[in-house]
């Protein structure tokens, strides 16, 4: 069985950002998440893949 779904607060701690930032990102469809009973949840693997994509985007932006 996989790891339990992360909450908004879990993701905020993991990314070292405010929970409001997590809400803003997921509502803009920038961060992968899903709702369970009206509450946002996240899979750690999805968040890790999102981080890697963000790193690649930033490297391209910088011309690396």
N, C-alpha and C. Protein backbone atom coordinates (compact mmCIF):
# COMPACT_ATOMS: atom_id res chain seq x y z
N UNK A 1 0.84 -1.19 0.00
CA UNK A 1 0.00 0.00 0.00
C UNK A 1 0.87 1.24 0.00
N UNK A 2 0.46 2.25 -0.76
CA UNK A 2 1.25 3.46 -0.88
C UNK A 2 1.17 4.33 0.36
N UNK A 3 1.90 5.43 0.32
CA UNK A 3 1.88 6.35 1.45
C UNK A 3 0.53 7.06 1.51
N UNK A 4 0.13 7.48 2.72
CA UNK A 4 -1.15 8.16 2.84
C UNK A 4 -1.15 9.49 2.11
N UNK A 5 -2.33 9.92 1.71
CA UNK A 5 -2.45 11.20 1.02
C UNK A 5 -2.02 12.33 1.95
N UNK A 6 -1.41 13.33 1.37
CA UNK A 6 -0.95 14.49 2.13
C UNK A 6 -2.06 15.54 2.16
N UNK A 7 -2.12 16.29 3.24
CA UNK A 7 -3.06 17.39 3.37
C UNK A 7 -2.41 18.67 2.84
N UNK A 8 -3.20 19.72 2.74
CA UNK A 8 -2.66 21.03 2.35
C UNK A 8 -1.53 21.42 3.30
N UNK A 9 -1.74 21.22 4.59
CA UNK A 9 -0.72 21.58 5.56
C UNK A 9 0.54 20.74 5.39
N UNK A 10 0.39 19.44 5.10
CA UNK A 10 1.54 18.58 4.85
C UNK A 10 2.36 19.10 3.67
N UNK A 11 1.67 19.46 2.60
CA UNK A 11 2.35 19.94 1.40
C UNK A 11 3.02 21.29 1.68
N UNK A 12 2.34 22.14 2.43
CA UNK A 12 2.93 23.44 2.77
C UNK A 12 4.25 23.26 3.53
N UNK A 13 4.25 22.34 4.49
CA UNK A 13 5.48 22.06 5.25
C UNK A 13 6.54 21.47 4.32
N UNK A 14 6.14 20.53 3.48
CA UNK A 14 7.06 19.85 2.56
C UNK A 14 7.72 20.85 1.60
N UNK A 15 6.94 21.83 1.12
CA UNK A 15 7.46 22.81 0.17
C UNK A 15 7.99 24.07 0.86
N UNK A 16 7.83 24.13 2.18
CA UNK A 16 8.26 25.30 2.96
C UNK A 16 7.58 26.58 2.47
N UNK A 17 6.27 26.49 2.30
CA UNK A 17 5.46 27.65 1.91
C UNK A 17 4.23 27.71 2.82
N UNK A 18 3.50 28.79 2.71
CA UNK A 18 2.27 28.95 3.47
C UNK A 18 1.16 28.10 2.86
N UNK A 19 0.23 27.66 3.67
CA UNK A 19 -0.91 26.87 3.17
C UNK A 19 -1.68 27.64 2.10
N UNK A 20 -1.75 28.96 2.22
CA UNK A 20 -2.46 29.77 1.22
C UNK A 20 -1.80 29.62 -0.16
N UNK A 21 -0.50 29.48 -0.18
CA UNK A 21 0.22 29.29 -1.44
C UNK A 21 -0.17 27.96 -2.07
N UNK A 22 -0.29 26.92 -1.26
CA UNK A 22 -0.70 25.61 -1.76
C UNK A 22 -2.10 25.71 -2.36
N UNK A 23 -3.03 26.34 -1.63
CA UNK A 23 -4.39 26.52 -2.15
C UNK A 23 -4.37 27.27 -3.47
N UNK A 24 -3.60 28.34 -3.55
CA UNK A 24 -3.52 29.15 -4.78
C UNK A 24 -2.98 28.31 -5.95
N UNK A 25 -1.94 27.54 -5.71
CA UNK A 25 -1.35 26.72 -6.78
C UNK A 25 -2.32 25.65 -7.27
N UNK A 26 -2.99 24.98 -6.35
CA UNK A 26 -3.89 23.89 -6.75
C UNK A 26 -5.14 24.45 -7.43
N UNK A 27 -5.62 25.59 -7.00
CA UNK A 27 -6.80 26.19 -7.63
C UNK A 27 -6.49 26.68 -9.03
N UNK A 28 -5.23 27.04 -9.30
CA UNK A 28 -4.80 27.46 -10.65
C UNK A 28 -4.44 26.26 -11.53
N UNK A 29 -4.58 25.06 -10.97
CA UNK A 29 -4.18 23.83 -11.67
C UNK A 29 -2.68 23.74 -11.88
N UNK A 30 -1.92 24.43 -11.08
CA UNK A 30 -0.45 24.37 -11.17
C UNK A 30 0.12 23.23 -10.34
N UNK A 31 -0.60 22.79 -9.32
CA UNK A 31 -0.14 21.75 -8.42
C UNK A 31 -1.12 20.59 -8.49
N UNK A 32 -0.63 19.35 -8.67
CA UNK A 32 -1.54 18.21 -8.80
C UNK A 32 -2.16 17.82 -7.46
N UNK A 33 -3.47 17.80 -7.42
CA UNK A 33 -4.18 17.41 -6.21
C UNK A 33 -5.55 16.87 -6.55
N UNK A 34 -6.23 16.39 -5.56
CA UNK A 34 -7.58 15.86 -5.75
C UNK A 34 -8.37 16.11 -4.48
N UNK A 35 -9.68 16.16 -4.62
CA UNK A 35 -10.53 16.42 -3.46
C UNK A 35 -11.15 15.13 -2.94
N UNK A 36 -11.19 15.01 -1.63
CA UNK A 36 -11.89 13.93 -0.94
C UNK A 36 -12.84 14.60 0.04
N UNK A 37 -14.12 14.38 -0.17
CA UNK A 37 -15.15 14.99 0.70
C UNK A 37 -14.95 16.50 0.81
N UNK A 38 -14.58 17.13 -0.31
CA UNK A 38 -14.44 18.58 -0.35
C UNK A 38 -13.13 19.13 0.18
N UNK A 39 -12.21 18.25 0.53
CA UNK A 39 -10.92 18.68 1.08
C UNK A 39 -9.78 18.24 0.16
N UNK A 40 -8.85 19.14 -0.12
CA UNK A 40 -7.74 18.82 -1.01
C UNK A 40 -6.80 17.80 -0.38
N UNK A 41 -6.35 16.85 -1.22
CA UNK A 41 -5.36 15.85 -0.83
C UNK A 41 -4.34 15.73 -1.97
N UNK A 42 -3.16 15.23 -1.62
CA UNK A 42 -2.07 15.15 -2.58
C UNK A 42 -1.30 13.86 -2.39
N UNK A 43 -0.80 13.30 -3.49
CA UNK A 43 0.08 12.13 -3.41
C UNK A 43 1.52 12.63 -3.44
N UNK A 44 2.33 12.11 -2.53
CA UNK A 44 3.73 12.58 -2.44
C UNK A 44 4.47 12.40 -3.77
N UNK A 45 4.22 11.28 -4.45
CA UNK A 45 4.89 11.05 -5.74
C UNK A 45 4.52 12.11 -6.76
N UNK A 46 3.25 12.54 -6.77
CA UNK A 46 2.82 13.61 -7.68
C UNK A 46 3.53 14.92 -7.35
N UNK A 47 3.65 15.21 -6.06
CA UNK A 47 4.33 16.45 -5.64
C UNK A 47 5.80 16.39 -6.02
N UNK A 48 6.44 15.24 -5.81
CA UNK A 48 7.85 15.10 -6.18
C UNK A 48 8.06 15.28 -7.68
N UNK A 49 7.17 14.70 -8.49
CA UNK A 49 7.27 14.88 -9.95
C UNK A 49 7.04 16.33 -10.33
N UNK A 50 6.11 17.00 -9.67
CA UNK A 50 5.85 18.42 -9.91
C UNK A 50 7.11 19.25 -9.61
N UNK A 51 7.77 18.93 -8.50
CA UNK A 51 9.01 19.63 -8.14
C UNK A 51 10.05 19.46 -9.24
N UNK A 52 10.23 18.24 -9.73
CA UNK A 52 11.21 17.99 -10.79
C UNK A 52 10.87 18.78 -12.06
N UNK A 53 9.58 18.84 -12.41
CA UNK A 53 9.16 19.64 -13.58
C UNK A 53 9.46 21.12 -13.37
N UNK A 54 9.22 21.60 -12.16
CA UNK A 54 9.49 23.02 -11.87
C UNK A 54 10.99 23.31 -12.00
N UNK A 55 11.81 22.37 -11.55
CA UNK A 55 13.25 22.55 -11.66
C UNK A 55 13.69 22.62 -13.13
N UNK A 56 13.10 21.75 -13.97
CA UNK A 56 13.45 21.75 -15.40
C UNK A 56 12.99 23.05 -16.05
N UNK A 57 11.81 23.51 -15.70
CA UNK A 57 11.30 24.77 -16.26
C UNK A 57 12.22 25.92 -15.88
N UNK A 58 12.66 25.94 -14.64
CA UNK A 58 13.56 27.01 -14.18
C UNK A 58 14.92 26.93 -14.86
N UNK A 59 15.42 25.72 -15.08
CA UNK A 59 16.70 25.56 -15.78
C UNK A 59 16.59 26.08 -17.22
N UNK A 60 15.49 25.77 -17.89
CA UNK A 60 15.30 26.26 -19.26
C UNK A 60 15.18 27.78 -19.29
N UNK A 61 14.47 28.31 -18.29
CA UNK A 61 14.29 29.76 -18.22
C UNK A 61 15.64 30.47 -18.04
N UNK A 62 16.50 29.83 -17.29
CA UNK A 62 17.83 30.40 -17.04
C UNK A 62 18.81 30.09 -18.18
N UNK A 63 18.40 29.25 -19.11
CA UNK A 63 19.26 28.91 -20.23
C UNK A 63 20.33 27.90 -19.91
N UNK A 64 20.08 27.11 -18.86
CA UNK A 64 21.08 26.09 -18.45
C UNK A 64 20.97 24.86 -19.30
